Amino acid sequence: MNEWISAIGFGIGLLAFVLGVTSIIMSFMTSEKGMSEKVEYSFFGVAGIVICMVMGYALS
């Protein structure tokens, strides 16, 4: 059962990493019409990377 929990934790960490990196890339690709979009995408990107690091720590 321990391997199932580790596999689910790895999946959550991987999903958070992909969504975080994608959000950071999208923050650079947004148009110049609003700064709030860039801040929002950057926040979600950093939050995703932090969740990925927390899941990595939990798995170690």
Protein backbone atom coordinates (compact mmCIF):
# COMPACT_ATOMS: atom_id res chain seq x y z
CA MET A 1 0.00 0.00 0.00
CA ASN A 2 2.94 2.32 0.64
CA GLU A 3 3.89 2.20 -3.03
CA TRP A 4 0.41 3.39 -4.05
CA ILE A 5 0.71 6.40 -1.78
CA SER A 6 4.15 7.18 -3.18
CA ALA A 7 2.87 6.85 -6.74
CA ILE A 8 -0.05 9.20 -6.07
CA GLY A 9 2.30 11.69 -4.40
CA PHE A 10 4.63 11.55 -7.38
CA GLY A 11 1.70 12.12 -9.74
CA ILE A 12 0.54 15.15 -7.78
CA GLY A 13 4.07 16.55 -7.71
CA LEU A 14 4.53 16.00 -11.44
CA LEU A 15 1.18 17.61 -12.23
CA ALA A 16 2.01 20.61 -10.04
CA PHE A 17 5.41 20.99 -11.74
CA VAL A 18 3.95 20.88 -15.26
CA LEU A 19 1.18 23.34 -14.41
CA GLY A 20 3.66 25.63 -12.63
CA VAL A 21 6.11 25.74 -15.52
CA THR A 22 3.27 26.20 -18.01
CA SER A 23 1.87 29.11 -16.00
CA ILE A 24 5.28 30.79 -15.83
CA ILE A 25 5.70 30.41 -19.60
CA MET A 26 2.20 31.81 -20.15
CA SER A 27 3.05 34.83 -18.00
CA PHE A 28 5.79 35.74 -20.49
CA MET A 29 3.51 35.19 -23.49
CA THR A 30 0.58 37.37 -22.41
CA SER A 31 -0.20 40.57 -24.25
CA GLU A 32 0.81 44.00 -23.02
CA LYS A 33 -2.74 45.08 -22.17
CA GLY A 34 -2.66 44.16 -18.51
CA MET A 35 -0.12 43.58 -15.80
CA SER A 36 -2.62 41.70 -13.63
CA GLU A 37 -2.57 38.70 -15.99
CA LYS A 38 1.20 38.43 -15.72
CA VAL A 39 1.08 38.63 -11.93
CA GLU A 40 -1.71 36.06 -11.78
CA TYR A 41 0.08 33.56 -14.05
CA SER A 42 3.35 34.10 -12.19
CA PHE A 43 1.66 33.49 -8.84
CA PHE A 44 0.12 30.24 -10.04
CA GLY A 45 3.46 29.21 -11.53
CA VAL A 46 5.38 29.80 -8.32
CA ALA A 47 2.64 28.08 -6.30
CA GLY A 48 2.86 25.03 -8.58
CA ILE A 49 6.64 24.85 -8.23
CA VAL A 50 6.36 25.16 -4.43
CA ILE A 51 3.77 22.37 -4.29
CA CYS A 52 6.09 20.23 -6.41
CA MET A 53 8.95 20.82 -3.97
CA VAL A 54 6.73 20.01 -0.98
CA MET A 55 5.63 16.75 -2.61
CA GLY A 56 9.25 15.92 -3.38
CA TYR A 57 10.16 16.49 0.26
CA ALA A 58 7.21 14.36 1.37
CA LEU A 59 8.35 11.48 -0.84
CA SER A 60 11.93 11.55 0.42
